[in-house]
Amino acid sequence: IMKNVGVNFSRFRVKQPPPHTGLRVMYTPGP
């Protein structure tokens, strides 16, 4: 869970890990 503890809306993006790690991050983009 990624919680916005600030006082304004904020944006973020995830830099996907390289394929050799076998990792993948799935999320819904937006503020």
PDB file of all heavy atoms in Angstrom:
ATOM      1  N   ILE A   1       0.848  -1.182   0.000  1.00  0.00           N
ATOM      2  CA  ILE A   1       0.000   0.000   0.000  1.00  0.00           C
ATOM      3  C   ILE A   1       0.889   1.238   0.000  1.00  0.00           C
ATOM      4  O   ILE A   1       1.837   1.335   0.782  1.00  0.00           O
ATOM      5  CB  ILE A   1      -0.933   0.006   1.229  1.00  0.00           C
ATOM      6  CG1 ILE A   1      -1.904  -1.160   1.116  1.00  0.00           C
ATOM      7  CG2 ILE A   1      -1.664   1.329   1.360  1.00  0.00           C
ATOM      8  CD1 ILE A   1      -2.748  -1.373   2.350  1.00  0.00           C
ATOM      9  N   MET A   2       0.571   2.168  -0.884  1.00  0.00           N
ATOM     10  CA  MET A   2       1.297   3.428  -0.972  1.00  0.00           C
ATOM     11  C   MET A   2       0.326   4.529  -0.567  1.00  0.00           C
ATOM     12  O   MET A   2      -0.618   4.824  -1.292  1.00  0.00           O
ATOM     13  CB  MET A   2       1.810   3.623  -2.390  1.00  0.00           C
ATOM     14  CG  MET A   2       2.756   4.748  -2.524  1.00  0.00           C
ATOM     15  SD  MET A   2       3.562   4.629  -4.120  1.00  0.00           S
ATOM     16  CE  MET A   2       4.190   6.265  -4.219  1.00  0.00           C
ATOM     17  N   LYS A   3       0.549   5.123   0.608  1.00  0.00           N
ATOM     18  CA  LYS A   3      -0.380   6.091   1.172  1.00  0.00           C
ATOM     19  C   LYS A   3       0.180   7.499   1.051  1.00  0.00           C
ATOM     20  O   LYS A   3       1.331   7.752   1.396  1.00  0.00           O
ATOM     21  CB  LYS A   3      -0.659   5.768   2.641  1.00  0.00           C
ATOM     22  CG  LYS A   3      -1.702   6.652   3.262  1.00  0.00           C
ATOM     23  CD  LYS A   3      -2.110   6.163   4.619  1.00  0.00           C
ATOM     24  CE  LYS A   3      -3.251   7.010   5.141  1.00  0.00           C
ATOM     25  NZ  LYS A   3      -3.768   6.536   6.393  1.00  0.00           N
ATOM     26  N   ASN A   4      -0.657   8.427   0.587  1.00  0.00           N
ATOM     27  CA  ASN A   4      -0.283   9.827   0.491  1.00  0.00           C
ATOM     28  C   ASN A   4      -0.504  10.477   1.859  1.00  0.00           C
ATOM     29  O   ASN A   4      -1.635  10.666   2.282  1.00  0.00           O
ATOM     30  CB  ASN A   4      -1.116  10.537  -0.574  1.00  0.00           C
ATOM     31  CG  ASN A   4      -0.706  11.977  -0.777  1.00  0.00           C
ATOM     32  OD1 ASN A   4       0.130  12.496  -0.057  1.00  0.00           O
ATOM     33  ND2 ASN A   4      -1.305  12.620  -1.755  1.00  0.00           N
ATOM     34  N   VAL A   5       0.582  10.775   2.557  1.00  0.00           N
ATOM     35  CA  VAL A   5       0.486  11.387   3.880  1.00  0.00           C
ATOM     36  C   VAL A   5       0.719  12.894   3.816  1.00  0.00           C
ATOM     37  O   VAL A   5       0.842  13.545   4.854  1.00  0.00           O
ATOM     38  CB  VAL A   5       1.478  10.734   4.874  1.00  0.00           C
ATOM     39  CG1 VAL A   5       1.100   9.297   5.133  1.00  0.00           C
ATOM     40  CG2 VAL A   5       2.902  10.838   4.366  1.00  0.00           C
ATOM     41  N   GLY A   6       0.757  13.448   2.600  1.00  0.00           N
ATOM     42  CA  GLY A   6       0.923  14.888   2.429  1.00  0.00           C
ATOM     43  C   GLY A   6      -0.408  15.614   2.531  1.00  0.00           C
ATOM     44  O   GLY A   6      -1.450  15.030   2.846  1.00  0.00           O
ATOM     45  N   VAL A   7      -0.381  16.919   2.252  1.00  0.00           N
ATOM     46  CA  VAL A   7      -1.589  17.732   2.312  1.00  0.00           C
ATOM     47  C   VAL A   7      -2.147  18.051   0.931  1.00  0.00           C
ATOM     48  O   VAL A   7      -3.230  18.610   0.819  1.00  0.00           O
ATOM     49  CB  VAL A   7      -1.345  19.054   3.093  1.00  0.00           C
ATOM     50  CG1 VAL A   7      -1.011  18.755   4.536  1.00  0.00           C
ATOM     51  CG2 VAL A   7      -0.268  19.881   2.434  1.00  0.00           C
ATOM     52  N   ASN A   8      -1.426  17.718  -0.118  1.00  0.00           N
ATOM     53  CA  ASN A   8      -1.879  17.947  -1.493  1.00  0.00           C
ATOM     54  C   ASN A   8      -1.934  16.620  -2.233  1.00  0.00           C
ATOM     55  O   ASN A   8      -1.334  15.639  -1.820  1.00  0.00           O
ATOM     56  CB  ASN A   8      -0.895  18.863  -2.237  1.00  0.00           C
ATOM     57  CG  ASN A   8      -0.838  20.248  -1.633  1.00  0.00           C
ATOM     58  OD1 ASN A   8      -1.839  20.778  -1.176  1.00  0.00           O
ATOM     59  ND2 ASN A   8       0.351  20.818  -1.617  1.00  0.00           N
ATOM     60  N   PHE A   9      -2.655  16.617  -3.369  1.00  0.00           N
ATOM     61  CA  PHE A   9      -2.606  15.412  -4.181  1.00  0.00           C
ATOM     62  C   PHE A   9      -1.229  15.327  -4.818  1.00  0.00           C
ATOM     63  O   PHE A   9      -0.575  16.331  -5.067  1.00  0.00           O
ATOM     64  CB  PHE A   9      -3.742  15.392  -5.217  1.00  0.00           C
ATOM     65  CG  PHE A   9      -3.533  16.296  -6.396  1.00  0.00           C
ATOM     66  CD1 PHE A   9      -2.873  15.832  -7.524  1.00  0.00           C
ATOM     67  CD2 PHE A   9      -3.984  17.602  -6.385  1.00  0.00           C
ATOM     68  CE1 PHE A   9      -2.671  16.645  -8.614  1.00  0.00           C
ATOM     69  CE2 PHE A   9      -3.788  18.425  -7.468  1.00  0.00           C
ATOM     70  CZ  PHE A   9      -3.131  17.956  -8.586  1.00  0.00           C
ATOM     71  N   SER A  10      -0.765  14.109  -5.030  1.00  0.00           N
ATOM     72  CA  SER A  10       0.560  13.889  -5.598  1.00  0.00           C
ATOM     73  C   SER A  10       0.501  12.804  -6.654  1.00  0.00           C
ATOM     74  O   SER A  10      -0.368  11.942  -6.638  1.00  0.00           O
ATOM     75  CB  SER A  10       1.550  13.465  -4.502  1.00  0.00           C
ATOM     76  OG  SER A  10       1.804  14.516  -3.630  1.00  0.00           O
ATOM     77  N   ARG A  11       1.456  12.859  -7.537  1.00  0.00           N
ATOM     78  CA  ARG A  11       1.581  11.857  -8.595  1.00  0.00           C
ATOM     79  C   ARG A  11       2.834  11.034  -8.353  1.00  0.00           C
ATOM     80  O   ARG A  11       3.766  11.465  -7.685  1.00  0.00           O
ATOM     81  CB  ARG A  11       1.674  12.532  -9.960  1.00  0.00           C
ATOM     82  CG  ARG A  11       0.456  13.338 -10.316  1.00  0.00           C
ATOM     83  CD  ARG A  11       0.637  13.997 -11.683  1.00  0.00           C
ATOM     84  NE  ARG A  11      -0.461  14.878 -11.975  1.00  0.00           N
ATOM     85  CZ  ARG A  11      -1.614  14.478 -12.492  1.00  0.00           C
ATOM     86  NH1 ARG A  11      -1.801  13.213 -12.767  1.00  0.00           N
ATOM     87  NH2 ARG A  11      -2.575  15.345 -12.730  1.00  0.00           N
ATOM     88  N   PHE A  12       2.847   9.853  -8.947  1.00  0.00           N
ATOM     89  CA  PHE A  12       4.011   8.988  -8.846  1.00  0.00           C
ATOM     90  C   PHE A  12       4.044   8.089 -10.066  1.00  0.00           C
ATOM     91  O   PHE A  12       3.064   7.965 -10.797  1.00  0.00           O
ATOM     92  CB  PHE A  12       3.962   8.143  -7.565  1.00  0.00           C
ATOM     93  CG  PHE A  12       2.935   7.039  -7.612  1.00  0.00           C
ATOM     94  CD1 PHE A  12       3.303   5.751  -7.978  1.00  0.00           C
ATOM     95  CD2 PHE A  12       1.603   7.299  -7.320  1.00  0.00           C
ATOM     96  CE1 PHE A  12       2.358   4.742  -8.037  1.00  0.00           C
ATOM     97  CE2 PHE A  12       0.659   6.290  -7.377  1.00  0.00           C
ATOM     98  CZ  PHE A  12       1.036   5.015  -7.732  1.00  0.00           C
ATOM     99  N   ARG A  13       5.193   7.480 -10.278  1.00  0.00           N
ATOM    100  CA  ARG A  13       5.311   6.433 -11.292  1.00  0.00           C
ATOM    101  C   ARG A  13       6.347   5.440 -10.805  1.00  0.00           C
ATOM    102  O   ARG A  13       7.230   5.771 -10.017  1.00  0.00           O
ATOM    103  CB  ARG A  13       5.644   6.979 -12.668  1.00  0.00           C
ATOM    104  CG  ARG A  13       7.011   7.531 -12.855  1.00  0.00           C
ATOM    105  CD  ARG A  13       7.205   8.057 -14.288  1.00  0.00           C
ATOM    106  NE  ARG A  13       8.536   8.565 -14.469  1.00  0.00           N
ATOM    107  CZ  ARG A  13       9.579   7.827 -14.828  1.00  0.00           C
ATOM    108  NH1 ARG A  13       9.430   6.550 -15.051  1.00  0.00           N
ATOM    109  NH2 ARG A  13      10.778   8.363 -14.963  1.00  0.00           N
ATOM    110  N   VAL A  14       6.211   4.215 -11.283  1.00  0.00           N
ATOM    111  CA  VAL A  14       7.103   3.139 -10.856  1.00  0.00           C
ATOM    112  C   VAL A  14       8.035   2.796 -12.010  1.00  0.00           C
ATOM    113  O   VAL A  14       7.586   2.576 -13.134  1.00  0.00           O
ATOM    114  CB  VAL A  14       6.296   1.889 -10.428  1.00  0.00           C
ATOM    115  CG1 VAL A  14       7.234   0.755 -10.063  1.00  0.00           C
ATOM    116  CG2 VAL A  14       5.374   2.223  -9.281  1.00  0.00           C
ATOM    117  N   LYS A  15       9.319   2.764 -11.721  1.00  0.00           N
ATOM    118  CA  LYS A  15      10.310   2.326 -12.704  1.00  0.00           C
ATOM    119  C   LYS A  15      10.345   0.808 -12.632  1.00  0.00           C
ATOM    120  O   LYS A  15      10.739   0.227 -11.617  1.00  0.00           O
ATOM    121  CB  LYS A  15      11.664   2.938 -12.358  1.00  0.00           C
ATOM    122  CG  LYS A  15      12.720   2.689 -13.392  1.00  0.00           C
ATOM    123  CD  LYS A  15      13.990   3.435 -13.015  1.00  0.00           C
ATOM    124  CE  LYS A  15      15.089   3.143 -14.003  1.00  0.00           C
ATOM    125  NZ  LYS A  15      16.344   3.795 -13.618  1.00  0.00           N
ATOM    126  N   GLN A  16       9.895   0.167 -13.702  1.00  0.00           N
ATOM    127  CA  GLN A  16       9.794  -1.297 -13.710  1.00  0.00           C
ATOM    128  C   GLN A  16      11.184  -1.935 -13.591  1.00  0.00           C
ATOM    129  O   GLN A  16      12.140  -1.481 -14.209  1.00  0.00           O
ATOM    130  CB  GLN A  16       9.118  -1.788 -14.986  1.00  0.00           C
ATOM    131  CG  GLN A  16       7.643  -1.431 -15.074  1.00  0.00           C
ATOM    132  CD  GLN A  16       6.787  -2.161 -14.045  1.00  0.00           C
ATOM    133  OE1 GLN A  16       7.138  -3.217 -13.546  1.00  0.00           O
ATOM    134  NE2 GLN A  16       5.654  -1.556 -13.712  1.00  0.00           N
ATOM    135  N   PRO A  17      11.300  -2.985 -12.775  1.00  0.00           N
ATOM    136  CA  PRO A  17      12.589  -3.683 -12.621  1.00  0.00           C
ATOM    137  C   PRO A  17      12.997  -4.365 -13.935  1.00  0.00           C
ATOM    138  O   PRO A  17      12.146  -4.654 -14.784  1.00  0.00           O
ATOM    139  CB  PRO A  17      12.296  -4.733 -11.547  1.00  0.00           C
ATOM    140  CG  PRO A  17      11.030  -4.330 -10.901  1.00  0.00           C
ATOM    141  CD  PRO A  17      10.270  -3.530 -11.907  1.00  0.00           C
ATOM    142  N   PRO A  18      14.285  -4.645 -14.107  1.00  0.00           N
ATOM    143  CA  PRO A  18      14.733  -5.336 -15.314  1.00  0.00           C
ATOM    144  C   PRO A  18      14.145  -6.753 -15.393  1.00  0.00           C
ATOM    145  O   PRO A  18      13.869  -7.377 -14.364  1.00  0.00           O
ATOM    146  CB  PRO A  18      16.261  -5.377 -15.179  1.00  0.00           C
ATOM    147  CG  PRO A  18      16.566  -4.981 -13.787  1.00  0.00           C
ATOM    148  CD  PRO A  18      15.382  -4.293 -13.224  1.00  0.00           C
ATOM    149  N   PRO A  19      13.939  -7.261 -16.615  1.00  0.00           N
ATOM    150  CA  PRO A  19      13.292  -8.569 -16.782  1.00  0.00           C
ATOM    151  C   PRO A  19      14.027  -9.742 -16.133  1.00  0.00           C
ATOM    152  O   PRO A  19      13.393 -10.696 -15.694  1.00  0.00           O
ATOM    153  CB  PRO A  19      13.248  -8.755 -18.302  1.00  0.00           C
ATOM    154  CG  PRO A  19      13.419  -7.405 -18.876  1.00  0.00           C
ATOM    155  CD  PRO A  19      14.193  -6.603 -17.883  1.00  0.00           C
ATOM    156  N   HIS A  20      15.356  -9.676 -16.023  1.00  0.00           N
ATOM    157  CA  HIS A  20      16.104 -10.812 -15.463  1.00  0.00           C
ATOM    158  C   HIS A  20      15.807 -11.043 -13.985  1.00  0.00           C
ATOM    159  O   HIS A  20      16.088 -12.114 -13.459  1.00  0.00           O
ATOM    160  CB  HIS A  20      17.612 -10.638 -15.688  1.00  0.00           C
ATOM    161  CG  HIS A  20      18.227  -9.537 -14.888  1.00  0.00           C
ATOM    162  ND1 HIS A  20      18.627  -9.693 -13.583  1.00  0.00           N
ATOM    163  CD2 HIS A  20      18.515  -8.255 -15.213  1.00  0.00           C
ATOM    164  CE1 HIS A  20      19.131  -8.560 -13.135  1.00  0.00           C
ATOM    165  NE2 HIS A  20      19.069  -7.663 -14.103  1.00  0.00           N
ATOM    166  N   THR A  21      15.226 -10.056 -13.281  1.00  0.00           N
ATOM    167  CA  THR A  21      14.881 -10.233 -11.870  1.00  0.00           C
ATOM    168  C   THR A  21      13.598 -11.045 -11.704  1.00  0.00           C
ATOM    169  O   THR A  21      13.361 -11.607 -10.634  1.00  0.00           O
ATOM    170  CB  THR A  21      14.689  -8.877 -11.168  1.00  0.00           C
ATOM    171  OG1 THR A  21      13.621  -8.175 -11.797  1.00  0.00           O
ATOM    172  CG2 THR A  21      15.959  -8.055 -11.201  1.00  0.00           C
ATOM    173  N   GLY A  22      12.758 -11.083 -12.744  1.00  0.00           N
ATOM    174  CA  GLY A  22      11.474 -11.774 -12.651  1.00  0.00           C
ATOM    175  C   GLY A  22      10.408 -10.940 -11.962  1.00  0.00           C
ATOM    176  O   GLY A  22       9.292 -11.404 -11.759  1.00  0.00           O
ATOM    177  N   LEU A  23      10.740  -9.703 -11.591  1.00  0.00           N
ATOM    178  CA  LEU A  23       9.797  -8.832 -10.881  1.00  0.00           C
ATOM    179  C   LEU A  23       8.984  -7.976 -11.852  1.00  0.00           C
ATOM    180  O   LEU A  23       9.479  -7.570 -12.899  1.00  0.00           O
ATOM    181  CB  LEU A  23      10.546  -7.913  -9.918  1.00  0.00           C
ATOM    182  CG  LEU A  23      11.160  -8.572  -8.696  1.00  0.00           C
ATOM    183  CD1 LEU A  23      12.140  -7.631  -8.030  1.00  0.00           C
ATOM    184  CD2 LEU A  23      10.070  -8.977  -7.736  1.00  0.00           C
ATOM    185  N   ARG A  24       7.751  -7.682 -11.437  1.00  0.00           N
ATOM    186  CA  ARG A  24       6.880  -6.787 -12.200  1.00  0.00           C
ATOM    187  C   ARG A  24       5.977  -6.070 -11.199  1.00  0.00           C
ATOM    188  O   ARG A  24       5.511  -6.676 -10.232  1.00  0.00           O
ATOM    189  CB  ARG A  24       6.053  -7.585 -13.198  1.00  0.00           C
ATOM    190  CG  ARG A  24       5.262  -6.729 -14.148  1.00  0.00           C
ATOM    191  CD  ARG A  24       4.689  -7.564 -15.239  1.00  0.00           C
ATOM    192  NE  ARG A  24       3.589  -8.365 -14.710  1.00  0.00           N
ATOM    193  CZ  ARG A  24       2.672  -8.946 -15.462  1.00  0.00           C
ATOM    194  NH1 ARG A  24       2.745  -8.860 -16.765  1.00  0.00           N
ATOM    195  NH2 ARG A  24       1.702  -9.634 -14.921  1.00  0.00           N
ATOM    196  N   VAL A  25       5.729  -4.786 -11.421  1.00  0.00           N
ATOM    197  CA  VAL A  25       4.860  -3.999 -10.545  1.00  0.00           C
ATOM    198  C   VAL A  25       3.643  -3.565 -11.340  1.00  0.00           C
ATOM    199  O   VAL A  25       3.766  -2.952 -12.397  1.00  0.00           O
ATOM    200  CB  VAL A  25       5.595  -2.759  -9.983  1.00  0.00           C
ATOM    201  CG1 VAL A  25       4.692  -1.995  -9.028  1.00  0.00           C
ATOM    202  CG2 VAL A  25       6.877  -3.168  -9.289  1.00  0.00           C
ATOM    203  N   MET A  26       2.463  -3.904 -10.816  1.00  0.00           N
ATOM    204  CA  MET A  26       1.216  -3.518 -11.468  1.00  0.00           C
ATOM    205  C   MET A  26       0.491  -2.518 -10.579  1.00  0.00           C
ATOM    206  O   MET A  26       0.339  -2.749  -9.373  1.00  0.00           O
ATOM    207  CB  MET A  26       0.352  -4.740 -11.735  1.00  0.00           C
ATOM    208  CG  MET A  26       0.980  -5.669 -12.761  1.00  0.00           C
ATOM    209  SD  MET A  26       0.116  -7.207 -12.940  1.00  0.00           S
ATOM    210  CE  MET A  26       0.559  -8.004 -11.431  1.00  0.00           C
ATOM    211  N   TYR A  27       0.067  -1.397 -11.168  1.00  0.00           N
ATOM    212  CA  TYR A  27      -0.621  -0.347 -10.426  1.00  0.00           C
ATOM    213  C   TYR A  27      -1.459   0.480 -11.382  1.00  0.00           C
ATOM    214  O   TYR A  27      -1.299   0.404 -12.594  1.00  0.00           O
ATOM    215  CB  TYR A  27       0.385   0.546  -9.679  1.00  0.00           C
ATOM    216  CG  TYR A  27       1.271   1.369 -10.585  1.00  0.00           C
ATOM    217  CD1 TYR A  27       1.000   2.713 -10.819  1.00  0.00           C
ATOM    218  CD2 TYR A  27       2.387   0.817 -11.213  1.00  0.00           C
ATOM    219  CE1 TYR A  27       1.808   3.473 -11.652  1.00  0.00           C
ATOM    220  CE2 TYR A  27       3.197   1.563 -12.032  1.00  0.00           C
ATOM    221  CZ  TYR A  27       2.910   2.894 -12.249  1.00  0.00           C
ATOM    222  OH  TYR A  27       3.708   3.638 -13.066  1.00  0.00           O
ATOM    223  N   THR A  28      -2.342   1.294 -10.815  1.00  0.00           N
ATOM    224  CA  THR A  28      -3.168   2.196 -11.605  1.00  0.00           C
ATOM    225  C   THR A  28      -2.551   3.585 -11.522  1.00  0.00           C
ATOM    226  O   THR A  28      -2.498   4.168 -10.433  1.00  0.00           O
ATOM    227  CB  THR A  28      -4.608   2.233 -11.067  1.00  0.00           C
ATOM    228  OG1 THR A  28      -5.104   0.898 -11.030  1.00  0.00           O
ATOM    229  CG2 THR A  28      -5.491   3.100 -11.926  1.00  0.00           C
ATOM    230  N   PRO A  29      -2.073   4.139 -12.651  1.00  0.00           N
ATOM    231  CA  PRO A  29      -1.464   5.469 -12.603  1.00  0.00           C
ATOM    232  C   PRO A  29      -2.509   6.564 -12.397  1.00  0.00           C
ATOM    233  O   PRO A  29      -3.691   6.357 -12.647  1.00  0.00           O
ATOM    234  CB  PRO A  29      -0.784   5.598 -13.966  1.00  0.00           C
ATOM    235  CG  PRO A  29      -1.506   4.643 -14.841  1.00  0.00           C
ATOM    236  CD  PRO A  29      -2.022   3.545 -13.968  1.00  0.00           C
ATOM    237  N   GLY A  30      -2.037   7.714 -11.947  1.00  0.00           N
ATOM    238  CA  GLY A  30      -2.916   8.853 -11.734  1.00  0.00           C
ATOM    239  C   GLY A  30      -2.599   9.537 -10.419  1.00  0.00           C
ATOM    240  O   GLY A  30      -1.826   9.042  -9.616  1.00  0.00           O
ATOM    241  N   PRO A  31      -3.232  10.714 -10.181  1.00  0.00           N
ATOM    242  CA  PRO A  31      -2.965  11.430  -8.931  1.00  0.00           C
ATOM    243  C   PRO A  31      -3.594  10.719  -7.739  1.00  0.00           C
ATOM    244  O   PRO A  31      -4.600  10.033  -7.863  1.00  0.00           O
ATOM    245  CB  PRO A  31      -3.614  12.796  -9.163  1.00  0.00           C
ATOM    246  CG  PRO A  31      -4.658  12.552 -10.191  1.00  0.00           C
ATOM    247  CD  PRO A  31      -4.148  11.431 -11.048  1.00  0.00           C
TER     248      PRO A  31
END
